[in-house]
């Protein structure tokens, strides 16, 4: 959905009401995707909330748990989402890594930014090409932001 359409829906509550039913569309949310739950039953929503609260370390831990739950770090747990990397879940997890990278750079947490971007790169290579292409602008911003950080120990 384009920014122009979102602006129009936010400005016109009557149109937003029409979009809300039967499409279950909520203009107050930043992202309009289906609710995603990991195999453990945990939602990915806390990652966004922790990042927006400024608790970047907690967001990083939440992403670590998300990677472990889907088997992105190598070991596939019991009950993992089959072919998660070819579904919207792969894109969502990757997007959260890239956004956390940018937030960490902005907050001056170079170590978190580098670690999160390293995982983001691996995820970009793992998810479907269409999803990776959709995240191209965000991944480019995150890569350049990390590249602009001072080298460790400098």
N, C-alpha and C. Protein backbone atom coordinates (compact mmCIF):
# COMPACT_ATOMS: atom_id res chain seq x y z
N UNK A 1 0.85 -1.17 0.00
CA UNK A 1 0.00 0.00 0.00
C UNK A 1 0.89 1.23 0.00
N UNK A 2 0.52 2.21 -0.76
CA UNK A 2 1.33 3.41 -0.88
C UNK A 2 1.10 4.35 0.29
N UNK A 3 2.08 5.21 0.52
CA UNK A 3 1.95 6.20 1.60
C UNK A 3 0.77 7.12 1.35
N UNK A 4 0.53 7.46 0.11
CA UNK A 4 -0.58 8.35 -0.24
C UNK A 4 -1.91 7.75 0.19
N UNK A 5 -2.08 6.45 -0.07
CA UNK A 5 -3.32 5.79 0.30
C UNK A 5 -3.45 5.75 1.82
N UNK A 6 -2.37 5.45 2.52
CA UNK A 6 -2.42 5.43 3.98
C UNK A 6 -2.77 6.81 4.54
N UNK A 7 -2.18 7.84 3.97
CA UNK A 7 -2.49 9.21 4.41
C UNK A 7 -3.97 9.51 4.22
N UNK A 8 -4.50 9.10 3.08
CA UNK A 8 -5.91 9.33 2.79
C UNK A 8 -6.80 8.58 3.79
N UNK A 9 -6.45 7.33 4.07
CA UNK A 9 -7.24 6.56 5.03
C UNK A 9 -7.17 7.15 6.43
N UNK A 10 -6.00 7.68 6.80
CA UNK A 10 -5.87 8.29 8.13
C UNK A 10 -6.63 9.61 8.21
N UNK A 11 -6.71 10.32 7.10
CA UNK A 11 -7.41 11.61 7.08
C UNK A 11 -8.93 11.44 7.00
N UNK A 12 -9.36 10.31 6.46
CA UNK A 12 -10.80 10.09 6.25
C UNK A 12 -11.26 8.86 7.03
N UNK A 13 -11.71 9.04 8.26
CA UNK A 13 -12.16 7.90 9.08
C UNK A 13 -13.26 7.08 8.41
N UNK A 14 -14.09 7.71 7.58
CA UNK A 14 -15.15 6.96 6.92
C UNK A 14 -14.57 5.94 5.94
N UNK A 15 -13.51 6.32 5.24
CA UNK A 15 -12.85 5.38 4.34
C UNK A 15 -12.10 4.30 5.12
N UNK A 16 -11.50 4.70 6.24
CA UNK A 16 -10.79 3.72 7.08
C UNK A 16 -11.76 2.67 7.60
N UNK A 17 -12.98 3.09 7.94
CA UNK A 17 -14.00 2.14 8.39
C UNK A 17 -14.34 1.14 7.30
N UNK A 18 -14.45 1.63 6.08
CA UNK A 18 -14.74 0.73 4.95
C UNK A 18 -13.61 -0.27 4.74
N UNK A 19 -12.37 0.17 4.93
CA UNK A 19 -11.23 -0.73 4.76
C UNK A 19 -11.12 -1.72 5.92
N UNK A 20 -11.63 -1.32 7.08
CA UNK A 20 -11.52 -2.18 8.25
C UNK A 20 -12.36 -3.46 8.09
N UNK A 21 -13.49 -3.34 7.46
CA UNK A 21 -14.33 -4.51 7.24
C UNK A 21 -14.69 -4.56 5.78
N UNK A 22 -14.52 -5.63 5.11
CA UNK A 22 -14.19 -6.99 5.53
C UNK A 22 -12.70 -7.32 5.43
N UNK A 23 -11.86 -6.33 5.22
CA UNK A 23 -10.45 -6.61 4.97
C UNK A 23 -9.59 -6.66 6.23
N UNK A 24 -10.17 -6.40 7.40
CA UNK A 24 -9.43 -6.42 8.65
C UNK A 24 -8.20 -5.51 8.57
N UNK A 25 -8.41 -4.32 8.07
CA UNK A 25 -7.33 -3.35 7.85
C UNK A 25 -7.35 -2.33 8.97
N UNK A 26 -6.20 -2.09 9.59
CA UNK A 26 -6.10 -1.16 10.72
C UNK A 26 -5.08 -0.09 10.37
N UNK A 27 -5.51 1.14 10.14
CA UNK A 27 -4.60 2.21 9.73
C UNK A 27 -3.68 2.66 10.86
N UNK A 28 -3.98 2.28 12.08
CA UNK A 28 -3.12 2.70 13.19
C UNK A 28 -1.84 1.87 13.29
N UNK A 29 -1.80 0.74 12.62
CA UNK A 29 -0.60 -0.11 12.65
C UNK A 29 0.37 0.33 11.56
N UNK A 30 1.64 0.24 11.85
CA UNK A 30 2.66 0.64 10.89
C UNK A 30 2.79 -0.38 9.78
N UNK A 31 2.57 -1.65 10.09
CA UNK A 31 2.71 -2.72 9.11
C UNK A 31 1.39 -3.45 8.99
N UNK A 32 1.01 -3.75 7.80
CA UNK A 32 -0.26 -4.42 7.57
C UNK A 32 0.03 -5.82 7.06
N UNK A 33 0.38 -6.68 7.99
CA UNK A 33 0.65 -8.08 7.67
C UNK A 33 -0.14 -8.93 8.65
N UNK A 34 -0.32 -10.19 8.30
CA UNK A 34 -1.03 -11.07 9.20
C UNK A 34 -0.21 -11.26 10.47
N UNK A 35 -0.89 -11.54 11.56
CA UNK A 35 -0.21 -11.80 12.82
C UNK A 35 0.58 -13.08 12.67
N UNK A 36 1.84 -13.05 13.06
CA UNK A 36 2.71 -14.20 12.92
C UNK A 36 3.11 -14.69 14.29
N UNK A 37 3.02 -15.98 14.49
CA UNK A 37 3.45 -16.61 15.73
C UNK A 37 4.48 -17.68 15.41
N UNK A 38 5.49 -17.77 16.26
CA UNK A 38 6.51 -18.79 16.09
C UNK A 38 5.96 -20.14 16.55
N UNK A 39 6.71 -21.20 16.27
CA UNK A 39 6.28 -22.54 16.66
C UNK A 39 6.04 -22.63 18.16
N UNK A 40 6.79 -21.85 18.93
CA UNK A 40 6.62 -21.84 20.38
C UNK A 40 5.33 -21.15 20.80
N UNK A 41 4.69 -20.46 19.86
CA UNK A 41 3.48 -19.71 20.16
C UNK A 41 3.75 -18.24 20.42
N UNK A 42 5.04 -17.87 20.52
CA UNK A 42 5.41 -16.48 20.77
C UNK A 42 5.14 -15.62 19.53
N UNK A 43 4.74 -14.40 19.75
CA UNK A 43 4.49 -13.46 18.67
C UNK A 43 5.75 -12.66 18.39
N UNK A 44 5.89 -12.18 17.15
CA UNK A 44 7.03 -11.33 16.82
C UNK A 44 6.77 -9.87 17.17
N UNK A 45 5.57 -9.52 17.56
CA UNK A 45 5.24 -8.14 17.89
C UNK A 45 6.11 -7.55 19.00
N UNK A 46 6.48 -8.31 20.05
CA UNK A 46 7.32 -7.73 21.11
C UNK A 46 8.66 -7.19 20.59
N UNK A 47 9.16 -7.72 19.50
CA UNK A 47 10.43 -7.23 18.95
C UNK A 47 10.28 -5.77 18.56
N UNK A 48 9.21 -5.45 17.86
CA UNK A 48 8.96 -4.06 17.47
C UNK A 48 8.76 -3.18 18.70
N UNK A 49 7.98 -3.69 19.66
CA UNK A 49 7.69 -2.89 20.85
C UNK A 49 8.96 -2.60 21.64
N UNK A 50 9.82 -3.60 21.80
CA UNK A 50 11.07 -3.40 22.54
C UNK A 50 11.96 -2.41 21.82
N UNK A 51 12.01 -2.50 20.50
CA UNK A 51 12.84 -1.58 19.73
C UNK A 51 12.30 -0.16 19.86
N UNK A 52 10.99 0.00 19.76
CA UNK A 52 10.40 1.34 19.85
C UNK A 52 10.52 1.92 21.26
N UNK A 53 10.56 1.07 22.28
CA UNK A 53 10.76 1.54 23.65
C UNK A 53 12.21 1.94 23.88
N UNK A 54 13.09 1.55 22.98
CA UNK A 54 14.50 1.87 23.15
C UNK A 54 15.29 0.74 23.80
N UNK A 55 14.65 -0.37 24.06
CA UNK A 55 15.34 -1.51 24.67
C UNK A 55 15.90 -2.38 23.54
N UNK A 56 16.98 -1.91 22.96
CA UNK A 56 17.55 -2.58 21.79
C UNK A 56 18.12 -3.94 22.14
N UNK A 57 18.70 -4.08 23.31
CA UNK A 57 19.25 -5.38 23.71
C UNK A 57 18.14 -6.43 23.80
N UNK A 58 17.00 -6.04 24.36
CA UNK A 58 15.87 -6.97 24.46
C UNK A 58 15.34 -7.33 23.07
N UNK A 59 15.32 -6.36 22.17
CA UNK A 59 14.90 -6.65 20.80
C UNK A 59 15.88 -7.62 20.13
N UNK A 60 17.16 -7.44 20.39
CA UNK A 60 18.17 -8.35 19.86
C UNK A 60 17.99 -9.76 20.38
N UNK A 61 17.70 -9.89 21.68
CA UNK A 61 17.46 -11.21 22.26
C UNK A 61 16.20 -11.85 21.66
N UNK A 62 15.18 -11.03 21.45
CA UNK A 62 13.95 -11.55 20.86
C UNK A 62 14.20 -12.06 19.45
N UNK A 63 15.02 -11.35 18.67
CA UNK A 63 15.35 -11.82 17.32
C UNK A 63 16.18 -13.09 17.38
N UNK A 64 17.04 -13.19 18.37
CA UNK A 64 17.83 -14.42 18.55
C UNK A 64 16.89 -15.61 18.79
N UNK A 65 15.89 -15.39 19.64
CA UNK A 65 14.90 -16.45 19.90
C UNK A 65 14.10 -16.78 18.65
N UNK A 66 13.78 -15.76 17.85
CA UNK A 66 13.03 -15.99 16.60
C UNK A 66 13.86 -16.83 15.64
N UNK A 67 15.16 -16.51 15.51
CA UNK A 67 16.04 -17.29 14.63
C UNK A 67 16.12 -18.74 15.11
N UNK A 68 16.24 -18.91 16.42
CA UNK A 68 16.33 -20.27 16.97
C UNK A 68 15.03 -21.04 16.75
N UNK A 69 13.90 -20.36 16.90
CA UNK A 69 12.60 -21.02 16.77
C UNK A 69 12.34 -21.54 15.36
N UNK A 70 12.85 -20.85 14.35
CA UNK A 70 12.62 -21.30 12.97
C UNK A 70 13.80 -22.10 12.43
N UNK A 71 14.88 -22.16 13.19
CA UNK A 71 16.04 -22.92 12.74
C UNK A 71 16.95 -22.14 11.82
N UNK A 72 16.90 -20.82 11.88
CA UNK A 72 17.72 -19.98 10.99
C UNK A 72 19.20 -20.08 11.33
N UNK A 73 19.52 -20.49 12.53
CA UNK A 73 20.92 -20.59 12.94
C UNK A 73 21.50 -21.98 12.72
N UNK A 74 20.78 -22.81 11.98
CA UNK A 74 21.32 -24.12 11.63
C UNK A 74 20.53 -25.30 12.14
N UNK A 75 20.18 -25.33 13.40
CA UNK A 75 19.44 -26.46 13.97
C UNK A 75 17.94 -26.21 13.85
N UNK A 76 17.24 -27.16 13.26
CA UNK A 76 15.80 -27.01 13.09
C UNK A 76 15.10 -27.62 14.29
N UNK A 77 14.42 -26.79 15.08
CA UNK A 77 13.74 -27.31 16.28
C UNK A 77 12.47 -28.07 15.92
N UNK A 78 12.03 -28.88 16.86
CA UNK A 78 10.77 -29.60 16.71
C UNK A 78 9.63 -28.60 16.56
N UNK A 79 8.78 -28.81 15.58
CA UNK A 79 7.63 -27.93 15.37
C UNK A 79 7.95 -26.64 14.65
N UNK A 80 9.11 -26.55 14.02
CA UNK A 80 9.47 -25.33 13.29
C UNK A 80 8.56 -25.14 12.08
N UNK A 81 8.40 -23.91 11.66
CA UNK A 81 7.57 -23.61 10.50
C UNK A 81 8.27 -24.14 9.26
N UNK A 82 7.62 -25.05 8.56
CA UNK A 82 8.19 -25.65 7.35
C UNK A 82 8.38 -24.58 6.28
N UNK A 83 9.55 -24.54 5.71
CA UNK A 83 9.89 -23.61 4.64
C UNK A 83 9.64 -22.15 5.04
N UNK A 84 9.96 -21.82 6.29
CA UNK A 84 9.76 -20.47 6.83
C UNK A 84 10.43 -19.42 5.96
N UNK A 85 11.58 -19.75 5.39
CA UNK A 85 12.36 -18.79 4.61
C UNK A 85 11.71 -18.45 3.28
N UNK A 86 10.77 -19.25 2.83
CA UNK A 86 10.07 -18.99 1.58
C UNK A 86 8.69 -18.38 1.82
N UNK A 87 8.40 -18.09 3.05
CA UNK A 87 7.11 -17.52 3.41
C UNK A 87 7.31 -16.10 3.94
N UNK A 88 6.24 -15.45 4.26
CA UNK A 88 6.32 -14.10 4.79
C UNK A 88 7.07 -14.02 6.12
N UNK A 89 7.14 -15.12 6.82
CA UNK A 89 7.85 -15.14 8.10
C UNK A 89 9.32 -14.83 7.91
N UNK A 90 9.93 -15.37 6.86
CA UNK A 90 11.34 -15.07 6.57
C UNK A 90 11.55 -13.60 6.32
N UNK A 91 10.66 -13.01 5.56
CA UNK A 91 10.77 -11.58 5.26
C UNK A 91 10.60 -10.75 6.53
N UNK A 92 9.63 -11.13 7.36
CA UNK A 92 9.37 -10.38 8.57
C UNK A 92 10.56 -10.43 9.53
N UNK A 93 11.13 -11.61 9.73
CA UNK A 93 12.28 -11.73 10.62
C UNK A 93 13.47 -10.95 10.07
N UNK A 94 13.68 -11.03 8.76
CA UNK A 94 14.79 -10.30 8.14
C UNK A 94 14.58 -8.80 8.27
N UNK A 95 13.36 -8.34 8.01
CA UNK A 95 13.05 -6.92 8.13
C UNK A 95 13.32 -6.40 9.53
N UNK A 96 12.96 -7.19 10.54
CA UNK A 96 13.19 -6.78 11.92
C UNK A 96 14.68 -6.68 12.22
N UNK A 97 15.49 -7.56 11.64
CA UNK A 97 16.94 -7.48 11.81
C UNK A 97 17.49 -6.18 11.21
N UNK A 98 17.02 -5.85 10.04
CA UNK A 98 17.52 -4.64 9.37
C UNK A 98 17.09 -3.38 10.12
N UNK A 99 15.86 -3.37 10.60
CA UNK A 99 15.38 -2.20 11.35
C UNK A 99 16.11 -2.06 12.68
N UNK A 100 16.40 -3.20 13.33
CA UNK A 100 17.15 -3.14 14.59
C UNK A 100 18.58 -2.67 14.31
N UNK A 101 19.15 -3.05 13.20
CA UNK A 101 20.49 -2.58 12.82
C UNK A 101 20.50 -1.06 12.74
N UNK A 102 19.53 -0.49 12.05
CA UNK A 102 19.46 0.97 11.92
C UNK A 102 19.24 1.64 13.28
N UNK A 103 18.39 1.06 14.11
CA UNK A 103 18.14 1.63 15.44
C UNK A 103 19.40 1.57 16.29
N UNK A 104 20.16 0.47 16.19
CA UNK A 104 21.39 0.33 16.96
C UNK A 104 22.44 1.34 16.51
N UNK A 105 22.55 1.56 15.21
CA UNK A 105 23.50 2.57 14.70
C UNK A 105 23.11 3.94 15.23
N UNK A 106 21.82 4.25 15.15
CA UNK A 106 21.33 5.56 15.61
C UNK A 106 21.58 5.74 17.11
N UNK A 107 21.48 4.65 17.88
CA UNK A 107 21.69 4.73 19.33
C UNK A 107 23.17 4.66 19.70
N UNK A 108 24.03 4.42 18.72
CA UNK A 108 25.46 4.35 18.99
C UNK A 108 25.95 3.01 19.49
N UNK A 109 25.13 1.97 19.35
CA UNK A 109 25.51 0.63 19.79
C UNK A 109 26.10 -0.12 18.59
N UNK A 110 27.38 0.12 18.34
CA UNK A 110 28.05 -0.43 17.16
C UNK A 110 28.10 -1.95 17.18
N UNK A 111 28.35 -2.53 18.34
CA UNK A 111 28.45 -3.99 18.43
C UNK A 111 27.13 -4.66 18.06
N UNK A 112 26.03 -4.17 18.64
CA UNK A 112 24.71 -4.72 18.31
C UNK A 112 24.41 -4.52 16.83
N UNK A 113 24.74 -3.37 16.30
CA UNK A 113 24.49 -3.09 14.88
C UNK A 113 25.24 -4.08 13.99
N UNK A 114 26.51 -4.32 14.29
CA UNK A 114 27.31 -5.24 13.47
C UNK A 114 26.81 -6.69 13.55
N UNK A 115 26.52 -7.13 14.77
CA UNK A 115 26.04 -8.51 14.96
C UNK A 115 24.69 -8.70 14.27
N UNK A 116 23.79 -7.75 14.47
CA UNK A 116 22.46 -7.86 13.88
C UNK A 116 22.54 -7.81 12.36
N UNK A 117 23.41 -6.95 11.81
CA UNK A 117 23.55 -6.87 10.36
C UNK A 117 24.14 -8.16 9.79
N UNK A 118 25.06 -8.78 10.52
CA UNK A 118 25.62 -10.06 10.06
C UNK A 118 24.52 -11.11 9.94
N UNK A 119 23.64 -11.16 10.92
CA UNK A 119 22.51 -12.09 10.84
C UNK A 119 21.56 -11.67 9.71
N UNK A 120 21.36 -10.37 9.56
CA UNK A 120 20.50 -9.88 8.48
C UNK A 120 21.02 -10.28 7.12
N UNK A 121 22.33 -10.20 6.92
CA UNK A 121 22.92 -10.63 5.63
C UNK A 121 22.66 -12.10 5.36
N UNK A 122 22.86 -12.93 6.39
CA UNK A 122 22.60 -14.37 6.23
C UNK A 122 21.13 -14.62 5.89
N UNK A 123 20.26 -13.92 6.57
CA UNK A 123 18.84 -14.08 6.30
C UNK A 123 18.48 -13.62 4.89
N UNK A 124 19.06 -12.51 4.44
CA UNK A 124 18.79 -12.03 3.08
C UNK A 124 19.20 -13.07 2.04
N UNK A 125 20.26 -13.82 2.33
CA UNK A 125 20.70 -14.87 1.42
C UNK A 125 19.82 -16.11 1.51
N UNK A 126 19.06 -16.23 2.59
CA UNK A 126 18.25 -17.42 2.83
C UNK A 126 16.82 -17.26 2.35
N UNK A 127 16.24 -16.09 2.53
CA UNK A 127 14.83 -15.90 2.18
C UNK A 127 14.65 -15.89 0.67
N UNK A 128 13.41 -15.97 0.23
CA UNK A 128 13.10 -15.96 -1.19
C UNK A 128 13.56 -14.69 -1.88
N UNK A 129 13.88 -14.81 -3.15
CA UNK A 129 14.39 -13.67 -3.92
C UNK A 129 13.41 -12.50 -3.94
N UNK A 130 12.13 -12.81 -4.05
CA UNK A 130 11.12 -11.75 -4.09
C UNK A 130 11.10 -10.96 -2.79
N UNK A 131 11.20 -11.67 -1.68
CA UNK A 131 11.22 -11.00 -0.37
C UNK A 131 12.49 -10.18 -0.20
N UNK A 132 13.63 -10.74 -0.61
CA UNK A 132 14.90 -10.01 -0.49
C UNK A 132 14.86 -8.75 -1.35
N UNK A 133 14.27 -8.85 -2.52
CA UNK A 133 14.18 -7.68 -3.40
C UNK A 133 13.30 -6.61 -2.77
N UNK A 134 12.23 -7.02 -2.12
CA UNK A 134 11.33 -6.06 -1.48
C UNK A 134 12.02 -5.33 -0.33
N UNK A 135 13.02 -5.97 0.26
CA UNK A 135 13.75 -5.36 1.38
C UNK A 135 15.03 -4.65 0.92
N UNK A 136 15.22 -4.51 -0.37
CA UNK A 136 16.46 -3.96 -0.92
C UNK A 136 16.80 -2.58 -0.37
N UNK A 137 15.84 -1.67 -0.36
CA UNK A 137 16.12 -0.30 0.13
C UNK A 137 16.53 -0.31 1.60
N UNK A 138 15.79 -1.06 2.40
CA UNK A 138 16.08 -1.14 3.83
C UNK A 138 17.44 -1.80 4.06
N UNK A 139 17.73 -2.87 3.33
CA UNK A 139 19.02 -3.55 3.52
C UNK A 139 20.18 -2.66 3.07
N UNK A 140 19.99 -1.89 2.02
CA UNK A 140 21.04 -0.97 1.58
C UNK A 140 21.30 0.10 2.63
N UNK A 141 20.23 0.66 3.20
CA UNK A 141 20.39 1.66 4.26
C UNK A 141 21.13 1.07 5.45
N UNK A 142 20.76 -0.14 5.84
CA UNK A 142 21.39 -0.78 7.00
C UNK A 142 22.86 -1.08 6.72
N UNK A 143 23.17 -1.58 5.53
CA UNK A 143 24.56 -1.89 5.17
C UNK A 143 25.42 -0.64 5.21
N UNK A 144 24.92 0.46 4.65
CA UNK A 144 25.70 1.71 4.63
C UNK A 144 25.83 2.29 6.04
N UNK A 145 24.80 2.13 6.84
CA UNK A 145 24.87 2.64 8.21
C UNK A 145 25.96 1.91 8.99
N UNK A 146 26.03 0.59 8.83
CA UNK A 146 27.05 -0.19 9.53
C UNK A 146 28.43 0.12 8.95
N UNK A 147 28.50 0.28 7.64
CA UNK A 147 29.79 0.60 7.00
C UNK A 147 30.33 1.94 7.50
N UNK A 148 29.45 2.85 7.91
CA UNK A 148 29.88 4.16 8.41
C UNK A 148 30.32 4.17 9.86
N UNK A 149 30.18 3.04 10.53
CA UNK A 149 30.63 2.97 11.94
C UNK A 149 32.14 2.92 12.02
N UNK A 150 32.65 3.40 13.13
CA UNK A 150 34.10 3.31 13.36
C UNK A 150 34.47 1.85 13.55
N UNK A 151 35.67 1.48 13.08
CA UNK A 151 36.11 0.09 13.28
C UNK A 151 36.21 -0.22 14.77
N UNK A 152 36.00 -1.50 15.15
CA UNK A 152 36.10 -1.85 16.57
C UNK A 152 37.49 -1.51 17.11
N UNK A 153 37.52 -0.93 18.27
CA UNK A 153 38.80 -0.58 18.92
C UNK A 153 39.41 0.73 18.44
N UNK A 154 38.73 1.43 17.53
CA UNK A 154 39.28 2.70 17.02
C UNK A 154 38.87 3.87 17.87
